[in-house]
Protein backbone atom coordinates (compact mmCIF):
# COMPACT_ATOMS: atom_id res chain seq x y z
CA GLN A 1 56.35 140.88 120.48
CA ASP A 2 59.27 141.64 118.16
CA ASN A 3 58.82 138.23 116.59
CA PRO A 4 55.70 138.28 114.37
CA VAL A 5 55.19 134.56 114.88
CA ALA A 6 55.86 134.52 118.60
CA GLY A 7 53.49 137.20 119.68
CA GLY A 8 53.04 140.29 117.55
CA VAL A 9 52.80 141.71 114.11
CA SER A 10 54.99 144.53 112.94
CA PRO A 11 53.12 147.78 112.25
CA ASP A 12 55.14 147.90 109.03
CA CYS A 13 52.88 145.15 107.74
CA VAL A 14 49.83 147.43 107.91
CA ARG A 15 48.86 149.00 104.65
CA ASP A 16 47.45 152.51 104.67
CA ASP A 17 45.39 152.27 101.51
CA ASP A 18 41.67 151.88 102.12
CA GLY A 19 40.72 150.99 98.59
CA PRO A 20 41.77 150.93 94.96
CA PRO A 21 43.78 153.95 93.80
CA SER A 22 41.95 156.80 92.15
CA HIS A 23 42.76 157.93 88.63
CA ALA A 24 44.67 160.86 90.10
CA ALA A 25 46.72 158.54 92.30
CA ALA A 26 47.38 156.26 89.35
CA ALA A 27 48.56 159.19 87.30
CA ALA A 28 50.75 160.43 90.14
CA SER A 29 52.44 157.03 90.36
CA ILE A 30 53.85 157.41 86.84
CA SER A 31 57.43 158.58 86.88
CA PRO A 32 57.87 162.10 85.50
CA ALA A 33 60.90 160.72 83.67
CA ALA A 34 58.76 158.30 81.70
CA PRO A 35 59.23 158.89 77.96
CA VAL A 36 56.23 160.30 76.13
CA ASN A 37 55.63 159.44 72.48
CA LYS A 38 53.29 161.69 70.57
CA SER A 39 51.91 160.86 67.17
CA VAL A 40 49.88 163.57 65.43
CA GLY A 41 47.33 162.54 62.84
CA ALA A 42 45.10 164.53 60.53
CA SER A 43 42.00 164.19 62.67
CA ASN A 44 43.26 163.51 66.20
CA THR A 45 46.24 163.49 68.53
CA THR A 46 47.14 160.50 70.73
CA THR A 47 49.53 160.38 73.63
CA GLU A 48 51.14 157.18 74.89
CA ILE A 49 52.90 156.90 78.24
CA SER A 50 55.40 154.08 78.48
CA SER A 51 55.30 151.80 81.52
CA THR A 52 59.10 151.61 81.43
CA THR A 53 61.21 153.97 83.51
CA VAL A 54 64.97 154.55 83.46
CA SER A 55 67.08 153.56 86.45
CA THR A 56 69.98 155.61 87.81
CA SER A 57 72.37 153.45 85.80
CA GLY A 58 70.61 154.36 82.59
CA SER A 59 69.11 150.91 81.89
CA PRO A 60 65.33 150.56 81.43
CA VAL A 61 63.44 149.00 84.33
CA ALA A 62 59.96 147.53 83.88
CA LYS A 63 57.42 149.03 86.25
CA LYS A 64 55.12 146.43 87.80
CA SER A 65 51.66 147.61 88.78
CA LYS A 66 50.53 146.73 92.31
CA TRP A 67 46.88 147.45 91.64
CA ARG A 68 44.51 144.49 91.25
CA GLU A 69 41.11 144.44 89.63
CA PRO A 70 38.66 144.27 92.57
CA THR A 71 36.29 141.33 92.73
CA ARG A 72 32.57 141.77 93.24
CA ALA A 73 32.96 140.62 96.86
CA ALA A 74 35.74 143.16 97.44
CA VAL A 75 33.66 145.99 95.97
CA SER A 76 30.73 144.95 98.16
CA MET A 77 32.98 144.99 101.23
CA SER A 78 34.33 148.43 100.30
CA LEU A 79 30.79 149.81 100.05
CA ARG A 80 29.89 148.19 103.33
CA ALA A 81 32.83 149.91 105.01
CA GLU A 82 31.31 153.25 104.04
CA LYS A 83 27.81 152.35 105.24
CA GLU A 84 28.69 150.86 108.65
CA LYS A 85 27.68 153.18 111.48
CA THR A 86 30.22 152.17 114.13
CA GLY A 87 33.95 152.78 113.88
CA GLY A 88 34.76 149.16 114.78
CA LYS A 89 32.61 147.75 111.98
CA ARG A 90 34.02 150.21 109.47
CA ARG A 91 37.55 149.22 110.48
CA LEU A 92 36.67 145.51 110.16
CA ALA A 93 35.15 145.99 106.70
CA SER A 94 38.18 148.03 105.63
CA ASP A 95 40.62 145.40 106.93
CA LEU A 96 38.73 142.59 105.20
CA TYR A 97 38.67 144.59 101.97
CA LYS A 98 42.46 144.86 102.05
CA VAL A 99 42.78 141.09 102.46
CA MET A 100 40.38 140.52 99.57
CA MET A 101 42.50 142.75 97.36
CA ALA A 102 45.74 140.94 98.25
CA ASP A 103 47.17 137.91 96.48
CA THR A 104 46.27 135.51 99.29
CA ASN A 105 46.89 132.42 97.18
CA GLU A 106 50.53 133.39 96.87
CA ALA A 107 50.64 133.86 100.65
CA GLY A 108 49.24 130.37 101.13
CA PHE A 109 45.70 130.99 102.36
CA SER A 110 42.14 131.74 101.31
CA LEU A 111 39.40 133.58 103.19
CA ALA A 112 35.60 133.47 102.80
CA PRO A 113 32.65 134.60 104.97
CA LYS A 114 30.63 131.94 106.78
CA SER A 115 27.52 133.88 105.79
CA GLU A 116 27.03 136.52 103.10
CA ASP A 117 24.90 138.58 105.48
CA SER A 118 27.54 138.77 108.22
CA MET A 119 31.21 139.67 108.32
CA ASP A 120 31.76 138.58 111.93
CA LYS A 121 32.83 135.00 111.17
CA TRP A 122 35.16 133.79 108.41
CA THR A 123 36.51 130.46 107.15
CA ILE A 124 40.24 130.44 106.46
CA LYS A 125 42.08 127.69 104.62
CA LEU A 126 45.86 127.38 104.92
CA PHE A 127 47.79 125.57 102.21
CA LYS A 128 51.10 125.48 100.30
CA PHE A 129 53.06 124.50 103.40
CA ASP A 130 56.76 123.74 102.97
CA GLU A 131 56.72 120.33 101.28
CA ASP A 132 59.58 119.15 103.49
CA SER A 133 57.59 119.85 106.67
CA ASN A 134 55.87 117.08 108.58
CA LEU A 135 52.61 119.00 108.35
CA ALA A 136 52.64 118.97 104.54
CA LYS A 137 53.42 115.26 104.50
CA ASP A 138 50.71 114.49 107.05
CA LEU A 139 48.12 116.36 104.99
CA LEU A 140 49.18 114.34 101.96
CA CYS A 141 48.79 111.08 103.86
CA LEU A 142 45.26 112.07 104.85
CA GLY A 143 44.30 113.06 101.32
CA MET A 144 43.83 116.69 102.40
CA ASP A 145 45.28 119.88 100.97
CA CYS A 146 44.61 122.44 103.68
CA VAL A 147 44.15 123.22 107.38
CA GLU A 148 40.81 124.90 108.01
CA LEU A 149 40.47 127.71 110.56
CA GLU A 150 37.59 129.83 111.76
CA MET A 151 38.12 133.49 112.66
CA SER A 152 35.45 135.31 114.69
CA PHE A 153 35.55 139.06 115.28
CA PRO A 154 34.15 140.52 118.52
CA ASP A 155 32.08 143.69 118.70
CA GLN A 156 35.08 145.42 120.34
CA TYR A 157 37.37 144.80 117.33
CA PRO A 158 40.00 146.19 116.72
CA PHE A 159 40.58 146.81 120.43
CA GLU A 160 40.01 143.12 121.18
CA PRO A 161 41.60 140.29 119.15
CA PRO A 162 39.65 137.95 116.89
CA PHE A 163 39.03 134.44 118.20
CA VAL A 164 40.80 131.96 115.93
CA ARG A 165 40.40 128.19 116.19
CA VAL A 166 41.41 125.18 114.14
CA VAL A 167 38.33 123.47 112.70
CA ARG A 168 39.99 120.49 111.05
CA PRO A 169 42.00 118.28 111.02
CA ARG A 170 42.90 117.36 114.59
CA PHE A 171 46.53 117.87 115.59
CA LYS A 172 48.63 115.57 117.73
CA ARG A 173 48.63 117.04 121.24
CA GLN A 174 51.29 119.67 121.93
CA THR A 175 52.39 120.01 118.30
CA GLY A 176 52.01 123.07 116.09
CA PHE A 177 51.07 125.12 119.18
CA VAL A 178 47.53 123.72 118.88
CA MET A 179 45.63 122.60 121.98
CA ASN A 180 42.14 121.20 121.45
CA GLY A 181 41.65 123.56 118.54
CA ALA A 182 42.94 126.68 120.33
CA LEU A 183 46.17 128.36 119.25
CA CYS A 184 48.84 128.94 121.91
CA MET A 185 49.74 132.39 120.61
CA GLU A 186 50.20 135.54 122.68
CA LEU A 187 49.22 137.68 119.70
CA LEU A 188 45.64 136.37 119.95
CA THR A 189 45.17 137.28 123.63
CA SER A 190 43.90 140.56 125.06
CA GLU A 191 47.34 141.19 126.62
CA GLY A 192 49.29 140.54 123.45
CA TRP A 193 46.93 142.05 120.91
CA ASN A 194 47.63 145.42 119.29
CA PRO A 195 44.83 147.33 117.48
CA VAL A 196 47.19 148.14 114.59
CA ASN A 197 47.65 144.46 113.77
CA ASP A 198 46.86 143.55 110.18
CA ILE A 199 44.54 140.57 109.52
CA GLU A 200 46.62 139.22 106.65
CA SER A 201 49.80 139.30 108.73
CA VAL A 202 48.03 137.54 111.61
CA ILE A 203 46.92 134.73 109.28
CA VAL A 204 50.41 134.38 107.80
CA SER A 205 51.86 134.27 111.34
CA ILE A 206 49.47 131.47 112.32
CA ARG A 207 50.41 129.56 109.18
CA SER A 208 54.10 129.88 110.05
CA LEU A 209 53.47 128.92 113.67
CA LEU A 210 51.97 125.56 112.69
CA VAL A 211 55.16 124.64 110.82
CA VAL A 212 57.63 126.17 113.31
CA GLY A 213 55.92 124.18 116.07
CA ASP A 214 56.32 120.98 113.99
CA GLY A 215 52.56 120.49 113.69
CA ARG A 216 51.59 116.85 113.32
CA LEU A 217 48.14 115.50 112.45
CA ALA A 218 46.83 112.86 114.84
CA ALA A 219 45.38 110.53 112.20
CA ALA A 220 48.59 110.59 110.14
CA VAL A 221 50.78 109.90 113.16
CA GLU A 222 48.70 106.80 113.88
CA MET A 223 49.50 105.34 110.45
CA SER A 224 52.00 102.53 110.16
CA ASP A 225 55.42 103.45 108.79
CA GLY A 226 54.86 101.21 105.79
CA GLN A 227 51.57 102.83 104.84
CA ARG A 228 52.96 106.32 105.28
CA LYS A 229 56.03 105.58 103.14
CA SER A 230 53.87 104.01 100.42
CA ILE A 231 51.62 107.06 100.16
CA LEU A 232 54.52 109.52 100.08
CA ALA A 233 56.42 107.43 97.52
CA ALA A 234 53.34 107.17 95.29
CA SER A 235 52.83 110.93 95.47
CA LYS A 236 56.46 111.64 94.64
CA LYS A 237 56.31 109.32 91.65
CA ARG A 238 53.01 110.79 90.47
CA ASN A 239 54.08 114.42 90.79
CA GLY A 240 57.67 113.94 89.74
CA LYS A 241 58.71 117.00 91.81
CA GLY A 242 58.79 115.76 95.37
CA VAL A 243 56.11 115.47 97.99
CA GLY A 244 54.45 118.78 97.21
CA GLY A 245 54.62 118.43 93.42
CA ASP A 246 54.17 121.48 91.26
CA GLU A 247 53.75 124.74 93.18
CA ASN A 248 50.45 125.30 91.38
CA ASP A 249 49.09 121.97 92.58
CA SER A 250 47.04 123.61 95.33
CA GLU A 251 45.12 125.52 92.68
CA GLU A 252 43.98 122.32 91.00
CA PRO A 253 40.21 121.80 91.27
CA SER A 254 39.36 119.59 94.24
CA ALA A 255 37.20 117.12 92.30
CA LYS A 256 39.90 116.63 89.64
CA ARG A 257 42.58 116.09 92.28
CA GLN A 258 40.43 113.56 94.13
CA ARG A 259 39.88 111.55 90.93
CA ARG A 260 43.62 111.69 90.24
CA ASP A 261 44.46 110.54 93.78
CA SER A 262 41.96 107.71 93.52
CA ASP A 263 43.53 106.46 90.29
CA GLY A 264 47.11 106.94 91.47
CA ASP A 265 46.71 105.20 94.83
CA SER A 266 44.47 102.34 93.75
CA SER A 267 47.33 99.86 94.02
CA LEU A 268 48.24 100.78 97.61
CA LYS A 269 47.28 98.63 100.56
CA GLY A 270 46.44 100.21 103.89
CA LYS A 271 43.54 101.42 105.93
CA LYS A 272 40.13 101.36 104.35
CA LYS A 273 39.34 104.68 102.73
CA SER A 274 36.62 106.71 104.39
CA GLY A 275 35.37 108.45 101.23
CA SER A 276 34.84 107.26 97.67
CA SER A 277 36.92 110.11 96.22
CA LYS A 278 40.02 109.56 98.36
CA GLY A 279 42.99 107.38 97.53
CA ALA A 280 42.99 103.81 98.82
CA GLY A 281 46.04 104.47 101.00
CA THR A 282 44.78 107.69 102.57
CA VAL A 283 42.62 108.07 105.65
CA GLY A 284 40.27 110.83 104.48
CA LYS A 285 38.83 114.04 105.92
CA SER A 286 36.24 112.43 108.21
CA ALA A 287 38.82 110.22 109.92
CA ALA A 288 41.16 113.23 110.23
CA GLY A 289 38.78 114.63 112.84
CA HIS A 290 37.68 118.14 113.80
CA TYR A 291 37.38 120.43 116.82
CA THR A 292 34.21 121.93 118.25
CA THR A 293 33.90 125.59 119.16
CA ALA A 294 33.26 124.72 122.80
CA GLU A 295 36.45 122.70 123.31
CA ALA A 296 38.52 125.33 121.51
CA ARG A 297 37.15 128.13 123.72
CA ASP A 298 37.76 126.10 126.87
CA ALA A 299 41.34 125.46 125.77
CA TYR A 300 41.82 129.15 124.91
CA THR A 301 40.67 130.16 128.41
CA HIS A 302 43.02 127.63 129.99
CA LEU A 303 46.00 128.76 127.91
CA SER A 304 45.34 132.45 128.62
CA ASP A 305 45.07 131.88 132.38
CA TYR A 306 48.15 129.65 132.43
CA HIS A 307 50.37 132.10 130.56
CA LYS A 308 49.21 135.04 132.65
CA LYS A 309 50.80 133.27 135.61
CA LYS A 310 53.78 131.61 133.92
CA GLY A 311 54.56 134.01 131.09
CA TRP A 312 54.84 133.16 127.42
CA ASP A 313 58.44 131.98 127.24
CA SER A 314 59.19 130.46 130.63
CA SER A 315 61.16 127.63 129.00
CA GLY A 316 63.25 129.97 126.84
CA TRP A 317 62.12 128.21 123.65
CA TRP A 318 61.41 131.42 121.72
CA ALA A 319 64.62 133.02 122.97
CA GLN A 320 66.57 130.08 121.54
CA LYS A 321 64.74 130.47 118.25
CA GLY A 322 65.82 134.12 118.14
């Protein structure tokens, strides 16, 4: 479990803060060496504390604040953590609050509850994959910009792992460590799970696993070479910065991007589009397929039983990867 992708998450990834810093903590974070400028007026006195500190070499170093303005949802989750009666629920609310306060977009994922009244089941969207990866190219060919997951937390959390499954799209069998929607990942089993694991690190590990395992999407693999090349070439020409385009492309509103794709791909010939907002050369979300909860749970049970008998690296694949 030394490898965070292979089977565990380093305890170093766990943050100890349970909420936004207090005024006292904020004041304590200011370097005592920070210069203080005082200007005295006739009616009042003002004190300004510079946000610039001096390094050991004598040159000024800008101090970047790590605190983020909490969203309404994050504040609500923080209050819920205080009201929950059981330790497991308080821990879950606290962990989810930390994720809400993090810059998840920069980490390449988003997280939202399936229901506002429950925090037991969450929808996770993974995006911003390496544009040179087959997974990123396959998503582009299907007119999609993310892989959707569902994370369910048991009553025994954090002593039992969350159940994580791929919702859509469907992966080619035995790629990306995905089997019928279940993830072949020791970290997500009772034997490999550690209560100190951090939710954000688990999500980032899953995201990395899909690329490390050369995840391929079934509908994209079934495309002809000519159609695939046409879509990728059109995207490269449209974006002007390679397959993935600008790094902020994933933040573009979905409706705007769909209209852009429809206009940009209107000259391509290929399979009939499945949705009116998708490009003519792309397959579309519905044709990309999805997994049911039942088939993912059956696959998870099979994988867990299999690896209990055979181990998690019987082929030496992870050992070769270091």
